[in-house]
């Protein structure tokens, strides 16, 4: 699944056009590399999204073409949130 669509379906970003613009602006990385909107997301990928002063890091757990509100949060696991200053130890171990 394309990165921009994944960000929309998982509700990490509200609209696909906004997700596309964030990718074009270099505010989204996949596995520590700047990712384009056309990047094919795979289970296990680590995505980092910058929202102004805040950034969030998630690990892709599943990929669904469609997801309701309750299913959207099950598509990823938050492993870091700069607004809270937290990064889980499991996340650090998984990145090595």
PDB file of N, CA and C in Angstrom:
ATOM      1  N   UNK A   1       0.837  -1.178   0.000  1.00  0.00           N
ATOM      2  CA  UNK A   1       0.000   0.000   0.000  1.00  0.00           C
ATOM      3  C   UNK A   1       0.885   1.245   0.000  1.00  0.00           C
ATOM      4  N   UNK A   2       0.487   2.236  -0.743  1.00  0.00           N
ATOM      5  CA  UNK A   2       1.238   3.496  -0.805  1.00  0.00           C
ATOM      6  C   UNK A   2       1.264   4.171   0.571  1.00  0.00           C
ATOM      7  N   UNK A   3       2.345   4.876   0.836  1.00  0.00           N
ATOM      8  CA  UNK A   3       2.516   5.548   2.120  1.00  0.00           C
ATOM      9  C   UNK A   3       1.413   6.572   2.374  1.00  0.00           C
ATOM     10  N   UNK A   4       1.083   7.392   1.384  1.00  0.00           N
ATOM     11  CA  UNK A   4       0.051   8.409   1.612  1.00  0.00           C
ATOM     12  C   UNK A   4      -1.300   7.779   1.941  1.00  0.00           C
ATOM     13  N   UNK A   5      -1.624   6.674   1.299  1.00  0.00           N
ATOM     14  CA  UNK A   5      -2.881   5.989   1.594  1.00  0.00           C
ATOM     15  C   UNK A   5      -2.837   5.348   2.976  1.00  0.00           C
ATOM     16  N   UNK A   6      -1.699   4.755   3.339  1.00  0.00           N
ATOM     17  CA  UNK A   6      -1.569   4.146   4.665  1.00  0.00           C
ATOM     18  C   UNK A   6      -1.767   5.190   5.767  1.00  0.00           C
ATOM     19  N   UNK A   7      -1.150   6.360   5.597  1.00  0.00           N
ATOM     20  CA  UNK A   7      -1.276   7.416   6.607  1.00  0.00           C
ATOM     21  C   UNK A   7      -2.728   7.854   6.764  1.00  0.00           C
ATOM     22  N   UNK A   8      -3.473   7.872   5.668  1.00  0.00           N
ATOM     23  CA  UNK A   8      -4.881   8.251   5.720  1.00  0.00           C
ATOM     24  C   UNK A   8      -5.734   7.149   6.337  1.00  0.00           C
ATOM     25  N   UNK A   9      -5.578   5.910   5.868  1.00  0.00           N
ATOM     26  CA  UNK A   9      -6.397   4.797   6.363  1.00  0.00           C
ATOM     27  C   UNK A   9      -6.147   4.558   7.851  1.00  0.00           C
ATOM     28  N   UNK A  10      -4.890   4.684   8.281  1.00  0.00           N
ATOM     29  CA  UNK A  10      -4.561   4.465   9.693  1.00  0.00           C
ATOM     30  C   UNK A  10      -4.920   5.668  10.556  1.00  0.00           C
ATOM     31  N   UNK A  11      -5.333   6.758   9.904  1.00  0.00           N
ATOM     32  CA  UNK A  11      -5.744   7.997  10.562  1.00  0.00           C
ATOM     33  C   UNK A  11      -4.607   8.692  11.305  1.00  0.00           C
ATOM     34  N   UNK A  12      -3.376   8.435  10.872  1.00  0.00           N
ATOM     35  CA  UNK A  12      -2.245   9.201  11.389  1.00  0.00           C
ATOM     36  C   UNK A  12      -2.293  10.618  10.822  1.00  0.00           C
ATOM     37  N   UNK A  13      -2.763  10.742   9.584  1.00  0.00           N
ATOM     38  CA  UNK A  13      -3.010  12.040   8.952  1.00  0.00           C
ATOM     39  C   UNK A  13      -4.424  11.985   8.398  1.00  0.00           C
ATOM     40  N   UNK A  14      -5.159  13.072   8.583  1.00  0.00           N
ATOM     41  CA  UNK A  14      -6.600  13.083   8.308  1.00  0.00           C
ATOM     42  C   UNK A  14      -6.969  12.892   6.838  1.00  0.00           C
ATOM     43  N   UNK A  15      -6.251  13.540   5.928  1.00  0.00           N
ATOM     44  CA  UNK A  15      -6.604  13.459   4.507  1.00  0.00           C
ATOM     45  C   UNK A  15      -5.403  13.002   3.684  1.00  0.00           C
ATOM     46  N   UNK A  16      -5.708  12.293   2.606  1.00  0.00           N
ATOM     47  CA  UNK A  16      -4.642  11.763   1.746  1.00  0.00           C
ATOM     48  C   UNK A  16      -3.845  12.871   1.070  1.00  0.00           C
ATOM     49  N   UNK A  17      -4.485  13.948   0.693  1.00  0.00           N
ATOM     50  CA  UNK A  17      -3.758  15.048   0.057  1.00  0.00           C
ATOM     51  C   UNK A  17      -2.783  15.691   1.036  1.00  0.00           C
ATOM     52  N   UNK A  18      -3.177  15.784   2.302  1.00  0.00           N
ATOM     53  CA  UNK A  18      -2.282  16.330   3.325  1.00  0.00           C
ATOM     54  C   UNK A  18      -1.109  15.370   3.533  1.00  0.00           C
ATOM     55  N   UNK A  19      -1.380  14.068   3.529  1.00  0.00           N
ATOM     56  CA  UNK A  19      -0.318  13.064   3.665  1.00  0.00           C
ATOM     57  C   UNK A  19       0.648  13.165   2.489  1.00  0.00           C
ATOM     58  N   UNK A  20       0.110  13.355   1.294  1.00  0.00           N
ATOM     59  CA  UNK A  20       0.929  13.493   0.094  1.00  0.00           C
ATOM     60  C   UNK A  20       1.826  14.728   0.197  1.00  0.00           C
ATOM     61  N   UNK A  21       1.273  15.843   0.652  1.00  0.00           N
ATOM     62  CA  UNK A  21       2.047  17.076   0.809  1.00  0.00           C
ATOM     63  C   UNK A  21       3.129  16.928   1.875  1.00  0.00           C
ATOM     64  N   UNK A  22       2.819  16.220   2.967  1.00  0.00           N
ATOM     65  CA  UNK A  22       3.812  15.994   4.028  1.00  0.00           C
ATOM     66  C   UNK A  22       4.981  15.169   3.489  1.00  0.00           C
ATOM     67  N   UNK A  23       4.683  14.172   2.671  1.00  0.00           N
ATOM     68  CA  UNK A  23       5.742  13.355   2.064  1.00  0.00           C
ATOM     69  C   UNK A  23       6.595  14.192   1.120  1.00  0.00           C
ATOM     70  N   UNK A  24       5.948  14.999   0.293  1.00  0.00           N
ATOM     71  CA  UNK A  24       6.662  15.847  -0.662  1.00  0.00           C
ATOM     72  C   UNK A  24       7.564  16.856   0.044  1.00  0.00           C
ATOM     73  N   UNK A  25       7.143  17.297   1.233  1.00  0.00           N
ATOM     74  CA  UNK A  25       7.915  18.287   1.990  1.00  0.00           C
ATOM     75  C   UNK A  25       9.035  17.641   2.804  1.00  0.00           C
ATOM     76  N   UNK A  26       9.128  16.300   2.781  1.00  0.00           N
ATOM     77  CA  UNK A  26      10.196  15.614   3.503  1.00  0.00           C
ATOM     78  C   UNK A  26       9.932  15.463   4.990  1.00  0.00           C
ATOM     79  N   UNK A  27       8.660  15.572   5.405  1.00  0.00           N
ATOM     80  CA  UNK A  27       8.329  15.463   6.826  1.00  0.00           C
ATOM     81  C   UNK A  27       7.991  14.043   7.254  1.00  0.00           C
ATOM     82  N   UNK A  28       8.066  13.097   6.334  1.00  0.00           N
ATOM     83  CA  UNK A  28       7.783  11.695   6.655  1.00  0.00           C
ATOM     84  C   UNK A  28       8.992  10.858   6.278  1.00  0.00           C
ATOM     85  N   UNK A  29       9.452  10.028   7.223  1.00  0.00           N
ATOM     86  CA  UNK A  29      10.554   9.115   6.931  1.00  0.00           C
ATOM     87  C   UNK A  29      10.095   7.678   7.151  1.00  0.00           C
ATOM     88  N   UNK A  30      10.659   6.775   6.388  1.00  0.00           N
ATOM     89  CA  UNK A  30      10.404   5.352   6.538  1.00  0.00           C
ATOM     90  C   UNK A  30      11.757   4.683   6.742  1.00  0.00           C
ATOM     91  N   UNK A  31      11.924   4.051   7.865  1.00  0.00           N
ATOM     92  CA  UNK A  31      13.191   3.380   8.205  1.00  0.00           C
ATOM     93  C   UNK A  31      14.373   4.344   8.084  1.00  0.00           C
ATOM     94  N   UNK A  32      14.212   5.539   8.648  1.00  0.00           N
ATOM     95  CA  UNK A  32      15.245   6.583   8.709  1.00  0.00           C
ATOM     96  C   UNK A  32      15.644   7.161   7.349  1.00  0.00           C
ATOM     97  N   UNK A  33      14.803   6.997   6.345  1.00  0.00           N
ATOM     98  CA  UNK A  33      15.050   7.603   5.030  1.00  0.00           C
ATOM     99  C   UNK A  33      13.820   8.414   4.640  1.00  0.00           C
ATOM    100  N   UNK A  34      14.046   9.592   4.059  1.00  0.00           N
ATOM    101  CA  UNK A  34      12.918  10.404   3.602  1.00  0.00           C
ATOM    102  C   UNK A  34      12.124   9.592   2.585  1.00  0.00           C
ATOM    103  N   UNK A  35      10.802   9.544   2.804  1.00  0.00           N
ATOM    104  CA  UNK A  35       9.958   8.687   1.967  1.00  0.00           C
ATOM    105  C   UNK A  35       9.036   9.515   1.087  1.00  0.00           C
ATOM    106  N   UNK A  36       8.853   9.062  -0.120  1.00  0.00           N
ATOM    107  CA  UNK A  36       7.913   9.690  -1.041  1.00  0.00           C
ATOM    108  C   UNK A  36       6.529   9.091  -0.807  1.00  0.00           C
ATOM    109  N   UNK A  37       5.506   9.767  -1.291  1.00  0.00           N
ATOM    110  CA  UNK A  37       4.125   9.301  -1.121  1.00  0.00           C
ATOM    111  C   UNK A  37       3.913   7.935  -1.771  1.00  0.00           C
ATOM    112  N   UNK A  38       4.689   7.611  -2.785  1.00  0.00           N
ATOM    113  CA  UNK A  38       4.528   6.348  -3.509  1.00  0.00           C
ATOM    114  C   UNK A  38       5.267   5.182  -2.844  1.00  0.00           C
ATOM    115  N   UNK A  39       5.970   5.414  -1.737  1.00  0.00           N
ATOM    116  CA  UNK A  39       6.689   4.349  -1.031  1.00  0.00           C
ATOM    117  C   UNK A  39       5.711   3.246  -0.643  1.00  0.00           C
ATOM    118  N   UNK A  40       6.090   1.988  -0.884  1.00  0.00           N
ATOM    119  CA  UNK A  40       5.239   0.852  -0.539  1.00  0.00           C
ATOM    120  C   UNK A  40       5.488   0.451   0.914  1.00  0.00           C
ATOM    121  N   UNK A  41       4.501   0.671   1.755  1.00  0.00           N
ATOM    122  CA  UNK A  41       4.608   0.367   3.184  1.00  0.00           C
ATOM    123  C   UNK A  41       4.516  -1.131   3.386  1.00  0.00           C
ATOM    124  N   UNK A  42       5.378  -1.655   4.288  1.00  0.00           N
ATOM    125  CA  UNK A  42       5.392  -3.077   4.621  1.00  0.00           C
ATOM    126  C   UNK A  42       5.268  -3.226   6.137  1.00  0.00           C
ATOM    127  N   UNK A  43       4.740  -4.351   6.578  1.00  0.00           N
ATOM    128  CA  UNK A  43       4.648  -4.624   8.009  1.00  0.00           C
ATOM    129  C   UNK A  43       6.066  -4.627   8.585  1.00  0.00           C
ATOM    130  N   UNK A  44       6.246  -3.944   9.705  1.00  0.00           N
ATOM    131  CA  UNK A  44       7.554  -3.857  10.343  1.00  0.00           C
ATOM    132  C   UNK A  44       8.285  -2.556  10.047  1.00  0.00           C
ATOM    133  N   UNK A  45       7.827  -1.786   9.060  1.00  0.00           N
ATOM    134  CA  UNK A  45       8.446  -0.492   8.758  1.00  0.00           C
ATOM    135  C   UNK A  45       8.285   0.451   9.950  1.00  0.00           C
ATOM    136  N   UNK A  46       9.282   1.299  10.156  1.00  0.00           N
ATOM    137  CA  UNK A  46       9.221   2.324  11.193  1.00  0.00           C
ATOM    138  C   UNK A  46       9.051   3.665  10.488  1.00  0.00           C
ATOM    139  N   UNK A  47       7.934   4.328  10.767  1.00  0.00           N
ATOM    140  CA  UNK A  47       7.609   5.605  10.141  1.00  0.00           C
ATOM    141  C   UNK A  47       7.725   6.729  11.160  1.00  0.00           C
ATOM    142  N   UNK A  48       8.319   7.842  10.755  1.00  0.00           N
ATOM    143  CA  UNK A  48       8.389   9.033  11.600  1.00  0.00           C
ATOM    144  C   UNK A  48       7.722  10.172  10.852  1.00  0.00           C
ATOM    145  N   UNK A  49       6.791  10.835  11.533  1.00  0.00           N
ATOM    146  CA  UNK A  49       6.037  11.927  10.927  1.00  0.00           C
ATOM    147  C   UNK A  49       6.247  13.174  11.774  1.00  0.00           C
ATOM    148  N   UNK A  50       6.622  14.282  11.126  1.00  0.00           N
ATOM    149  CA  UNK A  50       6.822  15.536  11.834  1.00  0.00           C
ATOM    150  C   UNK A  50       5.600  16.422  11.653  1.00  0.00           C
ATOM    151  N   UNK A  51       5.030  16.850  12.778  1.00  0.00           N
ATOM    152  CA  UNK A  51       3.895  17.775  12.807  1.00  0.00           C
ATOM    153  C   UNK A  51       4.385  19.053  13.471  1.00  0.00           C
ATOM    154  N   UNK A  52       4.956  19.970  12.736  1.00  0.00           N
ATOM    155  CA  UNK A  52       5.464  21.210  13.327  1.00  0.00           C
ATOM    156  C   UNK A  52       6.574  20.915  14.320  1.00  0.00           C
ATOM    157  N   UNK A  53       6.365  21.234  15.588  1.00  0.00           N
ATOM    158  CA  UNK A  53       7.361  20.993  16.634  1.00  0.00           C
ATOM    159  C   UNK A  53       7.311  19.562  17.162  1.00  0.00           C
ATOM    160  N   UNK A  54       6.264  18.841  16.833  1.00  0.00           N
ATOM    161  CA  UNK A  54       6.065  17.488  17.352  1.00  0.00           C
ATOM    162  C   UNK A  54       6.388  16.454  16.288  1.00  0.00           C
ATOM    163  N   UNK A  55       6.952  15.341  16.709  1.00  0.00           N
ATOM    164  CA  UNK A  55       7.114  14.227  15.776  1.00  0.00           C
ATOM    165  C   UNK A  55       6.679  12.948  16.472  1.00  0.00           C
ATOM    166  N   UNK A  56       6.165  12.029  15.671  1.00  0.00           N
ATOM    167  CA  UNK A  56       5.689  10.761  16.207  1.00  0.00           C
ATOM    168  C   UNK A  56       6.332   9.636  15.397  1.00  0.00           C
ATOM    169  N   UNK A  57       6.745   8.587  16.087  1.00  0.00           N
ATOM    170  CA  UNK A  57       7.356   7.431  15.443  1.00  0.00           C
ATOM    171  C   UNK A  57       6.474   6.216  15.707  1.00  0.00           C
ATOM    172  N   UNK A  58       6.134   5.508  14.633  1.00  0.00           N
ATOM    173  CA  UNK A  58       5.267   4.336  14.753  1.00  0.00           C
ATOM    174  C   UNK A  58       5.877   3.152  14.005  1.00  0.00           C
ATOM    175  N   UNK A  59       5.506   1.962  14.437  1.00  0.00           N
ATOM    176  CA  UNK A  59       5.888   0.736  13.728  1.00  0.00           C
ATOM    177  C   UNK A  59       4.622   0.183  13.082  1.00  0.00           C
ATOM    178  N   UNK A  60       4.701  -0.155  11.809  1.00  0.00           N
ATOM    179  CA  UNK A  60       3.558  -0.696  11.072  1.00  0.00           C
ATOM    180  C   UNK A  60       3.307  -2.124  11.549  1.00  0.00           C
ATOM    181  N   UNK A  61       2.080  -2.360  12.038  1.00  0.00           N
ATOM    182  CA  UNK A  61       1.712  -3.676  12.555  1.00  0.00           C
ATOM    183  C   UNK A  61       0.886  -4.448  11.530  1.00  0.00           C
ATOM    184  N   UNK A  62      -0.003  -3.731  10.833  1.00  0.00           N
ATOM    185  CA  UNK A  62      -0.817  -4.390   9.804  1.00  0.00           C
ATOM    186  C   UNK A  62      -1.160  -3.386   8.718  1.00  0.00           C
ATOM    187  N   UNK A  63      -1.555  -3.921   7.582  1.00  0.00           N
ATOM    188  CA  UNK A  63      -1.941  -3.087   6.445  1.00  0.00           C
ATOM    189  C   UNK A  63      -3.325  -3.545   5.998  1.00  0.00           C
ATOM    190  N   UNK A  64      -4.300  -2.621   6.099  1.00  0.00           N
ATOM    191  CA  UNK A  64      -5.668  -2.903   5.688  1.00  0.00           C
ATOM    192  C   UNK A  64      -6.077  -1.863   4.649  1.00  0.00           C
ATOM    193  N   UNK A  65      -6.791  -2.294   3.614  1.00  0.00           N
ATOM    194  CA  UNK A  65      -7.253  -1.354   2.599  1.00  0.00           C
ATOM    195  C   UNK A  65      -8.257  -0.366   3.172  1.00  0.00           C
ATOM    196  N   UNK A  66      -9.066  -0.830   4.104  1.00  0.00           N
ATOM    197  CA  UNK A  66     -10.063   0.009   4.756  1.00  0.00           C
ATOM    198  C   UNK A  66     -10.014  -0.270   6.245  1.00  0.00           C
ATOM    199  N   UNK A  67     -10.267   0.759   7.066  1.00  0.00           N
ATOM    200  CA  UNK A  67     -10.289   0.566   8.510  1.00  0.00           C
ATOM    201  C   UNK A  67     -11.243   1.572   9.127  1.00  0.00           C
ATOM    202  N   UNK A  68     -12.075   1.090  10.032  1.00  0.00           N
ATOM    203  CA  UNK A  68     -12.943   1.983  10.789  1.00  0.00           C
ATOM    204  C   UNK A  68     -12.140   2.637  11.900  1.00  0.00           C
ATOM    205  N   UNK A  69     -12.804   3.479  12.670  1.00  0.00           N
ATOM    206  CA  UNK A  69     -12.118   4.176  13.755  1.00  0.00           C
ATOM    207  C   UNK A  69     -11.428   3.211  14.715  1.00  0.00           C
ATOM    208  N   UNK A  70     -12.143   2.163  15.108  1.00  0.00           N
ATOM    209  CA  UNK A  70     -11.595   1.235  16.097  1.00  0.00           C
ATOM    210  C   UNK A  70     -10.449   0.397  15.530  1.00  0.00           C
ATOM    211  N   UNK A  71     -10.492   0.106  14.235  1.00  0.00           N
ATOM    212  CA  UNK A  71      -9.457  -0.731  13.623  1.00  0.00           C
ATOM    213  C   UNK A  71      -8.218   0.072  13.226  1.00  0.00           C
ATOM    214  N   UNK A  72      -8.375   1.375  13.030  1.00  0.00           N
ATOM    215  CA  UNK A  72      -7.268   2.206  12.551  1.00  0.00           C
ATOM    216  C   UNK A  72      -6.097   2.205  13.526  1.00  0.00           C
ATOM    217  N   UNK A  73      -6.362   2.284  14.827  1.00  0.00           N
ATOM    218  CA  UNK A  73      -5.279   2.315  15.807  1.00  0.00           C
ATOM    219  C   UNK A  73      -4.560   0.977  15.916  1.00  0.00           C
ATOM    220  N   UNK A  74      -5.187  -0.099  15.470  1.00  0.00           N
ATOM    221  CA  UNK A  74      -4.554  -1.416  15.504  1.00  0.00           C
ATOM    222  C   UNK A  74      -3.570  -1.611  14.356  1.00  0.00           C
ATOM    223  N   UNK A  75      -3.518  -0.661  13.416  1.00  0.00           N
ATOM    224  CA  UNK A  75      -2.632  -0.788  12.258  1.00  0.00           C
ATOM    225  C   UNK A  75      -1.191  -0.391  12.580  1.00  0.00           C
ATOM    226  N   UNK A  76      -0.964   0.284  13.710  1.00  0.00           N
ATOM    227  CA  UNK A  76       0.372   0.742  14.066  1.00  0.00           C
ATOM    228  C   UNK A  76       0.571   0.711  15.576  1.00  0.00           C
ATOM    229  N   UNK A  77       1.828   0.762  15.973  1.00  0.00           N
ATOM    230  CA  UNK A  77       2.204   0.818  17.378  1.00  0.00           C
ATOM    231  C   UNK A  77       3.076   2.057  17.560  1.00  0.00           C
ATOM    232  N   UNK A  78       2.692   2.942  18.467  1.00  0.00           N
ATOM    233  CA  UNK A  78       3.481   4.147  18.711  1.00  0.00           C
ATOM    234  C   UNK A  78       4.721   3.763  19.510  1.00  0.00           C
ATOM    235  N   UNK A  79       5.891   4.101  18.964  1.00  0.00           N
ATOM    236  CA  UNK A  79       7.138   3.771  19.655  1.00  0.00           C
ATOM    237  C   UNK A  79       7.904   5.012  20.088  1.00  0.00           C
ATOM    238  N   UNK A  80       7.451   6.186  19.672  1.00  0.00           N
ATOM    239  CA  UNK A  80       8.094   7.421  20.108  1.00  0.00           C
ATOM    240  C   UNK A  80       7.210   8.613  19.833  1.00  0.00           C
ATOM    241  N   UNK A  81       7.240   9.582  20.762  1.00  0.00           N
ATOM    242  CA  UNK A  81       6.442  10.794  20.615  1.00  0.00           C
ATOM    243  C   UNK A  81       7.239  11.934  21.214  1.00  0.00           C
ATOM    244  N   UNK A  82       7.740  12.822  20.363  1.00  0.00           N
ATOM    245  CA  UNK A  82       8.617  13.895  20.826  1.00  0.00           C
ATOM    246  C   UNK A  82       7.892  14.913  21.693  1.00  0.00           C
ATOM    247  N   UNK A  83       6.584  15.038  21.543  1.00  0.00           N
ATOM    248  CA  UNK A  83       5.838  15.988  22.369  1.00  0.00           C
ATOM    249  C   UNK A  83       5.864  15.546  23.819  1.00  0.00           C
ATOM    250  N   UNK A  84       5.859  14.244  24.018  1.00  0.00           N
ATOM    251  CA  UNK A  84       5.922  13.698  25.371  1.00  0.00           C
ATOM    252  C   UNK A  84       7.355  13.375  25.769  1.00  0.00           C
ATOM    253  N   UNK A  85       8.261  13.373  24.788  1.00  0.00           N
ATOM    254  CA  UNK A  85       9.660  13.064  25.068  1.00  0.00           C
ATOM    255  C   UNK A  85       9.894  11.605  25.395  1.00  0.00           C
ATOM    256  N   UNK A  86       9.020  10.753  24.875  1.00  0.00           N
ATOM    257  CA  UNK A  86       9.118   9.334  25.209  1.00  0.00           C
ATOM    258  C   UNK A  86       9.554   8.511  24.006  1.00  0.00           C
ATOM    259  N   UNK A  87      10.419   7.562  24.263  1.00  0.00           N
ATOM    260  CA  UNK A  87      10.752   6.533  23.283  1.00  0.00           C
ATOM    261  C   UNK A  87      10.867   5.243  24.073  1.00  0.00           C
ATOM    262  N   UNK A  88      10.084   4.245  23.712  1.00  0.00           N
ATOM    263  CA  UNK A  88      10.094   3.000  24.478  1.00  0.00           C
ATOM    264  C   UNK A  88      11.387   2.236  24.236  1.00  0.00           C
ATOM    265  N   UNK A  89      11.804   1.489  25.233  1.00  0.00           N
ATOM    266  CA  UNK A  89      13.023   0.703  25.128  1.00  0.00           C
ATOM    267  C   UNK A  89      12.877  -0.392  24.076  1.00  0.00           C
ATOM    268  N   UNK A  90      11.664  -0.915  23.905  1.00  0.00           N
ATOM    269  CA  UNK A  90      11.416  -1.928  22.874  1.00  0.00           C
ATOM    270  C   UNK A  90      11.665  -1.341  21.500  1.00  0.00           C
ATOM    271  N   UNK A  91      11.312  -0.077  21.325  1.00  0.00           N
ATOM    272  CA  UNK A  91      11.535   0.594  20.049  1.00  0.00           C
ATOM    273  C   UNK A  91      13.012   0.720  19.743  1.00  0.00           C
ATOM    274  N   UNK A  92      13.782   1.085  20.734  1.00  0.00           N
ATOM    275  CA  UNK A  92      15.232   1.221  20.548  1.00  0.00           C
ATOM    276  C   UNK A  92      15.835  -0.117  20.180  1.00  0.00           C
ATOM    277  N   UNK A  93      15.415  -1.173  20.863  1.00  0.00           N
ATOM    278  CA  UNK A  93      15.930  -2.508  20.576  1.00  0.00           C
ATOM    279  C   UNK A  93      15.529  -2.960  19.173  1.00  0.00           C
ATOM    280  N   UNK A  94      14.316  -2.594  18.743  1.00  0.00           N
ATOM    281  CA  UNK A  94      13.840  -2.985  17.419  1.00  0.00           C
ATOM    282  C   UNK A  94      14.540  -2.277  16.291  1.00  0.00           C
ATOM    283  N   UNK A  95      15.110  -1.084  16.557  1.00  0.00           N
ATOM    284  CA  UNK A  95      15.774  -0.313  15.515  1.00  0.00           C
ATOM    285  C   UNK A  95      17.214  -0.759  15.303  1.00  0.00           C
ATOM    286  N   UNK A  96      17.753  -1.505  16.236  1.00  0.00           N
ATOM    287  CA  UNK A  96      19.163  -1.917  16.127  1.00  0.00           C
ATOM    288  C   UNK A  96      19.347  -3.092  15.220  1.00  0.00           C
TER     289      UNK A  96
END
